[in-house]
Protein backbone atom coordinates (compact mmCIF):
# COMPACT_ATOMS: atom_id res chain seq x y z
CA MET A 1 0.17 0.04 0.02
CA ILE A 2 1.66 3.36 -0.84
CA ASN A 3 1.90 5.49 2.09
CA SER A 4 2.80 8.93 0.43
CA LEU A 5 1.73 11.77 2.47
CA ASN A 6 1.82 14.38 -0.14
CA TYR A 7 2.92 15.22 -3.61
CA ALA A 8 6.81 16.46 -3.15
CA PRO A 9 8.36 15.39 -6.17
CA ASN A 10 12.38 16.01 -6.31
CA PHE A 11 13.02 17.86 -9.96
CA MET A 12 16.62 18.41 -8.83
CA GLY A 13 18.42 15.95 -10.85
CA TRP A 14 21.94 17.09 -11.94
CA VAL A 15 25.07 15.25 -10.92
CA PRO A 16 28.41 16.64 -10.53
CA GLU A 17 31.18 14.98 -12.75
CA GLY A 18 32.32 11.87 -11.66
CA ARG A 19 29.72 11.25 -9.48
CA ARG A 20 26.42 9.09 -8.88
CA ALA A 21 22.90 9.93 -8.31
CA GLY A 22 20.81 8.92 -5.10
CA SER A 23 18.66 6.02 -5.15
CA ILE A 24 14.99 6.65 -5.22
CA THR A 25 12.52 5.94 -2.60
CA TYR A 26 9.63 4.35 -2.40
CA PRO A 27 6.97 5.45 0.78
CA VAL A 28 5.22 2.01 0.72
CA VAL A 29 3.84 -0.29 3.98
CA ASN A 30 2.75 -3.72 4.18
CA ALA A 31 -1.13 -4.19 4.23
CA SER A 32 -3.47 -7.28 4.32
CA ALA A 33 -6.64 -7.98 4.38
CA ALA A 34 -8.46 -11.71 5.36
CA TYR A 35 -11.25 -12.78 2.73
CA ALA A 36 -14.87 -12.90 3.75
CA THR A 37 -18.31 -14.60 3.45
CA MET A 38 -21.07 -13.13 2.72
CA GLY A 39 -24.50 -14.95 1.55
CA VAL A 40 -28.34 -15.38 2.30
CA GLU A 41 -30.44 -18.27 2.41
CA ASP A 42 -34.09 -19.11 0.97
CA ASN A 43 -36.34 -22.00 0.87
CA VAL A 44 -39.37 -23.66 -0.79
CA THR A 45 -41.60 -26.00 0.51
CA ASP A 46 -43.41 -28.92 -1.37
CA GLU A 47 -46.65 -27.28 -1.37
CA ALA A 48 -45.59 -23.65 -2.85
CA LYS A 49 -43.67 -25.47 -5.26
CA LEU A 50 -46.23 -27.66 -6.54
CA ALA A 51 -48.81 -24.63 -6.31
CA ALA A 52 -46.25 -22.70 -8.92
CA VAL A 53 -46.84 -25.47 -11.87
CA GLY A 54 -47.84 -23.95 -14.96
CA PHE A 55 -47.13 -20.47 -13.47
CA GLU A 56 -43.52 -19.97 -12.51
CA ASP A 57 -40.44 -21.87 -11.56
CA GLU A 58 -40.45 -21.20 -7.57
CA GLU A 59 -36.71 -22.89 -7.60
CA ALA A 60 -35.50 -20.95 -10.23
CA LEU A 61 -37.05 -17.76 -8.71
CA ILE A 62 -35.78 -17.92 -5.16
CA GLN A 63 -32.22 -18.75 -6.06
CA MET A 64 -32.44 -15.41 -8.59
CA ARG A 65 -34.35 -13.36 -5.51
CA SER A 66 -30.94 -14.81 -3.63
CA LEU A 67 -28.68 -13.70 -6.00
CA TYR A 68 -30.01 -10.24 -6.06
CA LYS A 69 -30.46 -10.18 -2.43
CA LEU A 70 -26.51 -10.95 -1.85
CA MET A 71 -25.91 -8.51 -4.64
CA GLN A 72 -27.37 -5.89 -2.49
CA ILE A 73 -25.95 -6.97 0.47
CA GLU A 74 -22.35 -6.46 -1.37
CA GLU A 75 -22.90 -3.44 -2.97
CA ALA A 76 -23.58 -1.70 0.69
CA SER A 77 -20.48 -3.59 2.49
CA LEU A 78 -18.42 -2.53 -0.53
CA LEU A 79 -18.52 0.86 0.66
CA HIS A 80 -19.55 0.30 4.10
CA GLY A 81 -17.98 -2.82 5.59
CA ASN A 82 -16.33 -2.35 8.84
CA ALA A 83 -14.04 -5.17 10.36
CA THR A 84 -11.28 -2.87 12.38
CA LEU A 85 -12.91 0.33 13.14
CA ASN A 86 -14.13 0.85 16.35
CA LEU A 87 -16.38 4.13 17.09
CA ALA A 88 -15.24 5.80 19.88
CA THR A 89 -17.07 6.66 22.61
CA PRO A 90 -18.69 10.26 21.99
CA ALA A 91 -18.08 12.93 24.12
CA THR A 92 -20.59 14.16 26.78
CA PRO A 93 -23.12 16.05 25.01
CA THR A 94 -23.08 20.15 25.04
CA VAL A 95 -26.53 21.15 25.95
CA SER A 96 -27.97 24.50 26.09
CA ALA A 97 -31.80 25.96 25.99
CA ALA A 98 -32.39 29.13 24.38
CA GLY A 99 -35.37 30.73 22.46
CA THR A 100 -38.86 31.40 22.22
CA GLY A 101 -42.10 29.51 20.57
CA ALA A 102 -41.24 26.06 21.09
CA THR A 103 -43.33 23.64 22.80
CA LEU A 104 -41.20 21.33 24.59
CA PRO A 105 -42.31 21.06 28.26
CA ALA A 106 -40.28 23.01 31.03
CA ALA A 107 -37.79 20.60 32.79
CA THR A 108 -34.17 19.49 33.06
CA TYR A 109 -33.58 17.52 30.28
CA SER A 110 -30.74 14.66 30.20
CA VAL A 111 -28.86 13.84 26.71
CA ILE A 112 -26.79 10.69 25.41
CA CYS A 113 -25.13 10.23 22.30
CA VAL A 114 -24.08 6.89 20.78
CA ALA A 115 -22.30 7.20 17.47
CA LEU A 116 -23.01 5.18 14.00
CA THR A 117 -21.45 3.70 11.62
CA ALA A 118 -23.12 3.79 7.82
CA MET A 119 -24.22 0.16 8.29
CA GLY A 120 -25.49 1.16 11.71
CA TYR A 121 -27.38 4.08 10.39
CA LEU A 122 -28.82 2.46 7.17
CA ASN A 123 -30.45 -0.44 9.94
CA ALA A 124 -31.48 2.50 12.67
CA THR A 125 -34.81 3.01 13.26
CA LEU A 126 -37.08 4.83 15.77
CA THR A 127 -39.95 2.57 16.15
CA ALA A 128 -39.05 0.99 20.00
CA PRO A 129 -37.07 -0.83 21.08
CA MET A 130 -34.76 -0.19 18.26
CA SER A 131 -32.93 -3.33 18.26
CA LEU A 132 -31.22 -2.86 15.25
CA LEU A 133 -28.62 -1.30 17.08
CA LEU A 134 -28.15 -3.97 19.55
CA PRO A 135 -25.95 -7.24 18.64
CA GLN A 136 -28.27 -9.16 16.47
CA SER A 137 -28.65 -13.13 16.97
CA VAL A 138 -28.82 -14.98 13.65
CA VAL A 139 -30.31 -18.13 13.68
CA SER A 140 -28.17 -20.17 11.40
CA ASN A 141 -29.63 -23.01 9.16
CA ASP A 142 -26.78 -25.54 9.92
CA GLY A 143 -28.03 -26.94 13.03
CA GLN A 144 -25.24 -25.19 15.15
CA GLY A 145 -27.08 -22.88 16.84
CA SER A 146 -26.71 -19.11 16.33
CA PHE A 147 -24.39 -16.54 15.93
CA THR A 148 -23.97 -12.73 16.44
CA LEU A 149 -23.69 -9.68 14.15
CA ASN A 150 -23.36 -6.00 15.79
CA GLY A 151 -25.60 -3.57 14.92
CA GLY A 152 -22.93 -0.71 14.61
CA SER A 153 -23.11 1.18 17.36
CA SER A 154 -20.62 2.96 19.82
CA ALA A 155 -20.73 2.95 23.90
CA ARG A 156 -22.83 5.51 24.80
CA SER A 157 -21.71 8.78 26.01
CA THR A 158 -22.04 10.20 29.75
CA ALA A 159 -25.09 12.80 29.99
CA GLY A 160 -25.15 16.23 29.53
CA SER A 161 -28.00 18.22 30.92
CA ALA A 162 -29.71 21.83 30.57
CA ALA A 163 -32.84 23.04 32.25
CA VAL A 164 -36.05 24.30 29.68
CA THR A 165 -38.16 26.46 30.62
CA LEU A 166 -41.80 26.68 28.48
CA GLY A 167 -41.02 27.87 24.88
CA GLN A 168 -37.27 27.20 25.03
CA THR A 169 -35.50 25.15 22.45
CA LEU A 170 -33.33 22.03 23.73
CA SER A 171 -29.89 21.97 21.46
CA ALA A 172 -27.07 19.20 21.97
CA SER A 173 -23.91 18.60 20.50
CA VAL A 174 -21.11 16.33 20.17
CA THR A 175 -17.29 16.44 19.07
CA PRO A 176 -17.50 14.31 15.57
CA VAL A 177 -16.29 10.93 16.38
CA ASN A 178 -14.06 9.73 13.28
CA GLY A 179 -15.74 6.69 11.26
CA ALA A 180 -19.69 7.92 12.17
CA VAL A 181 -21.81 9.34 9.67
CA ALA A 182 -24.82 9.67 12.18
CA TYR A 183 -25.68 10.11 15.82
CA ALA A 184 -28.39 8.23 18.16
CA TRP A 185 -29.79 10.80 20.64
CA TYR A 186 -31.57 9.56 24.15
CA VAL A 187 -33.13 12.22 26.16
CA GLY A 188 -35.42 12.06 29.18
CA THR A 189 -34.65 12.79 33.08
CA ALA A 190 -31.43 11.21 34.33
CA GLY A 191 -31.48 7.26 34.16
CA SER A 192 -34.34 7.35 31.90
CA GLU A 193 -33.15 8.79 28.60
CA ARG A 194 -35.00 7.27 25.64
CA LEU A 195 -34.02 7.45 21.94
CA GLU A 196 -35.65 10.62 20.69
CA ALA A 197 -33.99 11.18 17.48
CA VAL A 198 -31.48 9.95 14.81
CA THR A 199 -29.38 12.74 12.81
CA THR A 200 -26.41 12.60 10.07
CA ILE A 201 -24.83 15.47 11.34
CA ASN A 202 -23.10 16.10 15.16
CA SER A 203 -25.88 17.89 16.70
CA VAL A 204 -29.63 18.13 17.46
CA THR A 205 -32.57 20.24 18.43
CA PHE A 206 -35.49 19.38 20.17
CA ARG A 207 -38.90 21.95 20.08
CA ALA A 208 -41.83 19.66 20.79
CA PRO A 209 -42.63 17.14 23.43
CA LEU A 210 -40.70 13.67 23.21
CA ASN A 211 -42.43 10.99 22.49
CA GLY A 212 -40.82 8.82 25.27
CA THR A 213 -41.35 5.73 23.49
CA GLY A 214 -37.79 4.84 22.31
CA GLN A 215 -35.21 2.45 23.27
CA LEU A 216 -33.54 2.97 26.83
CA ALA A 217 -30.06 4.49 26.86
CA THR A 218 -29.14 1.41 29.10
CA ALA A 219 -29.82 -0.90 26.42
CA ILE A 220 -26.56 -0.03 24.99
CA THR A 221 -24.06 -1.61 27.31
CA ALA A 222 -20.88 -1.85 25.18
CA ASN A 223 -19.09 -0.71 21.64
CA TRP A 224 -20.75 -2.62 18.78
CA SER A 225 -19.61 -0.70 16.11
CA LEU A 226 -17.62 -3.64 13.69
CA ASN A 227 -18.16 -7.07 13.20
CA ALA A 228 -14.68 -9.25 12.97
CA THR A 229 -15.99 -11.73 10.23
CA ALA A 230 -16.39 -8.58 7.91
CA TYR A 231 -14.27 -6.75 5.52
CA ASP A 232 -13.19 -2.95 5.21
CA GLY A 233 -15.36 -1.10 2.60
CA LEU A 234 -14.02 2.00 0.76
CA MET A 235 -15.64 4.51 3.36
CA THR A 236 -14.48 2.43 6.12
CA GLN A 237 -10.61 2.25 4.85
CA ALA A 238 -10.88 6.42 4.20
CA TYR A 239 -11.56 6.77 7.66
CA THR A 240 -9.01 4.29 8.68
CA ASN A 241 -6.32 5.92 6.69
CA ASN A 242 -7.54 9.25 7.43
CA THR A 243 -4.13 11.18 7.72
CA GLN A 244 -4.22 10.31 3.44
CA ALA A 245 -7.68 10.27 2.59
CA PHE A 246 -9.13 13.34 2.48
CA ILE A 247 -11.64 13.99 4.86
CA ASN A 248 -13.70 17.25 5.56
CA ARG A 249 -16.06 17.31 8.80
CA LEU A 250 -18.47 20.35 8.37
CA ALA A 251 -18.75 22.48 11.46
CA THR A 252 -21.53 21.70 14.30
CA GLY A 253 -22.76 24.97 13.62
CA VAL A 254 -24.79 27.34 15.89
CA ALA A 255 -27.72 25.57 18.17
CA GLY A 256 -27.66 22.26 16.77
CA THR A 257 -28.35 23.33 13.22
CA GLY A 258 -25.35 22.22 11.56
CA THR A 259 -23.25 23.84 8.48
CA SER A 260 -24.76 22.38 5.04
CA LEU A 261 -22.59 22.74 1.77
CA THR A 262 -22.16 26.29 0.28
CA ALA A 263 -22.09 27.98 -3.21
CA THR A 264 -19.24 29.30 -4.88
CA GLY A 265 -21.36 32.03 -6.90
CA THR A 266 -19.97 30.56 -9.94
CA GLY A 267 -21.53 27.71 -10.65
CA GLU A 268 -19.66 25.16 -8.20
CA VAL A 269 -19.92 24.15 -4.56
CA THR A 270 -17.31 24.90 -2.32
CA GLU A 271 -16.49 21.94 -0.52
CA ILE A 272 -16.32 19.67 -3.51
CA ARG A 273 -14.25 22.40 -5.57
CA ASP A 274 -11.71 22.52 -2.27
CA MET A 275 -11.77 18.61 -2.21
CA LEU A 276 -10.95 18.10 -5.96
CA ARG A 277 -8.62 20.91 -5.62
CA THR A 278 -6.70 19.21 -2.58
CA GLN A 279 -6.34 15.91 -4.24
CA TRP A 280 -4.68 17.35 -6.71
CA ASP A 281 -2.25 19.90 -4.97
CA ASN A 282 -1.12 17.11 -2.52
CA PHE A 283 -0.99 13.74 -4.76
CA ARG A 284 -1.55 14.88 -8.33
CA ILE A 285 -4.52 12.85 -8.46
CA SER A 286 -7.94 13.67 -9.77
CA ILE A 287 -11.14 12.31 -8.05
CA THR A 288 -13.55 10.70 -11.08
CA ARG A 289 -16.28 9.64 -9.15
CA LEU A 290 -18.77 11.61 -6.43
CA TYR A 291 -21.26 9.26 -4.54
CA VAL A 292 -24.53 11.30 -2.95
CA SER A 293 -27.73 10.45 -1.29
CA SER A 294 -30.72 11.97 -2.41
CA GLN A 295 -30.48 15.05 0.25
CA GLU A 296 -26.80 15.86 -1.27
CA LEU A 297 -28.29 15.62 -4.81
CA ALA A 298 -30.73 18.31 -4.38
CA THR A 299 -28.52 20.14 -2.49
CA ILE A 300 -25.78 20.65 -5.26
CA THR A 301 -28.36 20.89 -7.93
CA ARG A 302 -30.02 23.92 -5.62
CA LEU A 303 -26.57 25.64 -5.37
CA VAL A 304 -25.80 25.24 -9.06
CA LEU A 305 -29.10 25.78 -10.78
CA THR A 306 -29.18 29.46 -9.75
CA SER A 307 -30.85 32.24 -11.89
CA GLY A 308 -27.28 33.14 -12.67
CA SER A 309 -25.79 29.84 -13.25
CA GLY A 310 -28.45 29.20 -16.59
CA PRO A 311 -31.78 28.64 -17.48
CA LEU A 312 -33.89 26.05 -15.41
CA VAL A 313 -36.93 25.67 -17.69
CA ARG A 314 -36.50 23.82 -20.77
CA LEU A 315 -39.27 24.49 -23.88
CA ASN A 316 -40.46 21.64 -26.02
CA THR A 317 -42.25 22.62 -29.25
CA THR A 318 -43.85 20.26 -31.67
CA GLY A 319 -42.67 20.77 -35.54
CA GLY A 320 -42.29 24.51 -35.36
CA SER A 321 -45.87 24.69 -34.29
CA THR A 322 -46.91 27.98 -32.49
CA SER A 323 -50.25 26.60 -31.09
CA PRO A 324 -50.45 26.77 -26.98
CA ALA A 325 -51.80 23.12 -27.01
CA ASP A 326 -48.50 21.87 -28.55
CA VAL A 327 -45.94 23.59 -26.16
CA LYS A 328 -45.24 21.88 -23.45
CA TYR A 329 -42.51 22.59 -20.47
CA THR A 330 -40.46 20.17 -18.46
CA ALA A 331 -40.50 20.89 -14.39
CA GLY A 332 -37.62 19.69 -12.45
CA ALA A 333 -33.55 19.49 -13.31
CA VAL A 334 -30.62 17.81 -11.39
CA VAL A 335 -26.90 18.23 -11.97
CA GLY A 336 -25.73 14.76 -13.15
CA TRP A 337 -21.95 15.27 -13.41
CA TYR A 338 -19.29 18.06 -11.86
CA PHE A 339 -16.39 19.68 -14.05
CA ASN A 340 -13.17 18.59 -12.24
CA PRO A 341 -10.18 21.17 -13.73
CA TYR A 342 -7.74 19.72 -11.95
CA THR A 343 -6.33 17.00 -14.33
CA ALA A 344 -3.46 16.05 -16.20
CA ASP A 345 -5.54 16.51 -19.47
CA GLY A 346 -7.22 19.73 -19.26
CA GLY A 347 -10.04 18.84 -16.92
CA ARG A 348 -12.80 15.70 -16.85
CA TYR A 349 -16.69 15.69 -15.89
CA ILE A 350 -17.01 13.41 -13.56
CA PRO A 351 -20.65 11.64 -12.55
CA ILE A 352 -22.66 12.30 -9.94
CA ILE A 353 -24.24 9.39 -8.98
CA LEU A 354 -27.19 8.69 -6.87
CA HIS A 355 -26.08 5.69 -4.67
CA PRO A 356 -29.22 3.77 -2.90
CA ASN A 357 -26.49 2.98 0.15
CA MET A 358 -25.07 6.21 0.85
CA VAL A 359 -26.19 7.99 3.95
CA PRO A 360 -27.59 11.84 3.89
CA GLY A 361 -24.92 13.78 4.84
CA THR A 362 -21.88 12.57 3.61
CA ILE A 363 -20.34 12.59 0.01
CA PHE A 364 -17.56 10.05 -1.20
CA GLY A 365 -15.37 10.92 -3.88
CA TYR A 366 -13.10 8.27 -5.61
CA ALA A 367 -10.29 8.49 -7.90
CA GLU A 368 -10.22 5.55 -10.28
CA THR A 369 -6.83 5.78 -11.46
CA LEU A 370 -3.14 6.73 -10.57
CA PRO A 371 -0.57 8.87 -12.53
CA ALA A 372 1.94 7.35 -14.17
CA THR A 373 4.56 7.95 -11.17
CA TYR A 374 2.89 5.67 -8.96
CA MET A 375 2.43 2.67 -11.22
CA SER A 376 4.16 -0.10 -10.24
CA ASN A 377 3.85 -4.43 -10.01
CA GLU A 378 3.02 -3.73 -6.28
CA THR A 379 0.33 -1.06 -7.09
CA PRO A 380 -1.47 -1.99 -10.15
CA THR A 381 -4.40 0.20 -9.63
CA VAL A 382 -6.11 2.31 -6.69
CA ALA A 383 -8.42 -0.40 -5.53
CA GLU A 384 -9.66 -3.98 -6.48
CA LEU A 385 -11.90 -6.52 -5.30
CA LEU A 386 -10.05 -9.98 -4.70
CA VAL A 387 -12.63 -12.61 -5.52
CA ARG A 388 -11.74 -15.91 -3.94
CA GLN A 389 -14.83 -17.75 -4.74
CA ASP A 390 -17.37 -15.56 -7.08
CA TYR A 391 -21.19 -15.77 -6.64
CA TYR A 392 -22.34 -19.88 -6.05
CA VAL A 393 -25.54 -21.59 -5.05
CA GLU A 394 -25.34 -24.47 -2.40
CA LYS A 395 -28.93 -26.92 -3.05
CA TRP A 396 -28.63 -28.38 0.71
CA PRO A 397 -29.89 -32.05 1.53
CA ARG A 398 -33.21 -32.10 2.09
CA THR A 399 -34.24 -32.59 5.90
CA SER A 400 -37.63 -32.13 5.68
CA ARG A 401 -40.53 -31.18 3.10
CA GLN A 402 -38.57 -27.98 2.20
CA GLN A 403 -35.76 -27.63 -0.09
CA PHE A 404 -32.95 -24.82 1.05
CA TYR A 405 -30.65 -22.76 -1.07
CA GLY A 406 -27.94 -20.69 -0.35
CA THR A 407 -25.99 -18.21 -2.04
CA TYR A 408 -22.66 -17.30 -0.95
CA CYS A 409 -19.49 -15.37 -2.14
CA GLN A 410 -15.91 -14.59 -0.76
CA THR A 411 -14.08 -11.48 -1.65
CA VAL A 412 -12.20 -8.79 -0.18
CA PRO A 413 -11.66 -4.97 -0.95
CA ALA A 414 -7.79 -4.37 -1.61
CA VAL A 415 -7.13 -0.75 -1.47
CA TYR A 416 -3.54 0.42 -2.44
CA ALA A 417 -3.44 3.78 -2.58
CA PRO A 418 -6.14 5.30 0.24
CA PHE A 419 -4.75 8.82 -0.87
CA CYS A 420 -7.15 8.20 -3.69
CA LEU A 421 -10.20 8.28 -1.15
CA ALA A 422 -12.09 11.29 -0.03
CA VAL A 423 -15.15 11.94 2.15
CA ILE A 424 -17.46 15.37 2.97
CA THR A 425 -19.08 14.41 6.05
CA ASN A 426 -21.29 15.97 8.72
CA ILE A 427 -23.78 18.07 6.12
CA ALA A 428 -26.67 19.40 7.36
CA PRO A 429 -29.72 19.17 4.87
């Protein structure tokens, strides 16, 4: 793995008469990662199989559905799998009360915070008891009992508190945690704090009465942020190599509101432009893909497509007709590409990809290629997926009037140049 912290080539190559030049040095470190197995299983009963005769091949369909499900799981894992990054316990929340017009009852409120990985956030729900943040017991079909998968949460913080008078808004924030993309907030009287909100920034506000039905904070008894049988996805590897990868955590903001992306005024987004430029200035690499959630796609579009950056309405006419009935307007627009001027070939249009597993409040940038100065047999590319066994199906021996099928694969992502990864996170809506 290349361990270059900055791009500082020595262009002084002159040699005195009769002398020899110095040796080239390579800032490379050894790295290893274990293959991980992932899989899903499904089954069909004899009755279901026979009922489907003449309509569909139910055995073939459950294998196809299992394959599609495994592909979805693998896609999320390639980004967010976590085998090594233990989230730190959040600091004691800073809690305050201010303002007027809120309906939160007067009381002294205690606030506890739990940091979440991307997997933790994707599995999170406010519905009591929010057990998905806890370790999950998976009943195995092999007859050997169950095994446990962690939910993706840190240990809980100590409690902060503030007295609220009627009309005031309760606000809380914590210092951002490396690797966390979301935060779960437990609020209530001291010792009885319940889950009241999950935010994708490190702050929260409460203006209305609490629900009082969420999971108790006492249910979080340990750090459950990683799974040792998983592998580290690309974003996790960016966080674990945060001295090389580009990480920009936006500021907490005032009164729990957070900081959003900002427009440059020239049709760009300040934070994305700075990321692209930093990667070029430090490493001479060019980001080639941006992965976003729907929240950031909408924000980028709003910041870029302004009245000063270009027309927002497209007018379609039919065959040169001037009849009002033939004139149609197309509402809506989206920014699908971002021009990266910081490339060796004069600039490149890079796709903005709406990814189903990207967490709101986070943008992931990825440089797919290395400059020639980095290329070697030991570092053939930025990253690749090493496959010990591609998708395969196991048809298990029947032990009942059901037929079980399992779909599995064994892979691991290998990241050779972590400085080609970039994350902008803690983005407020």
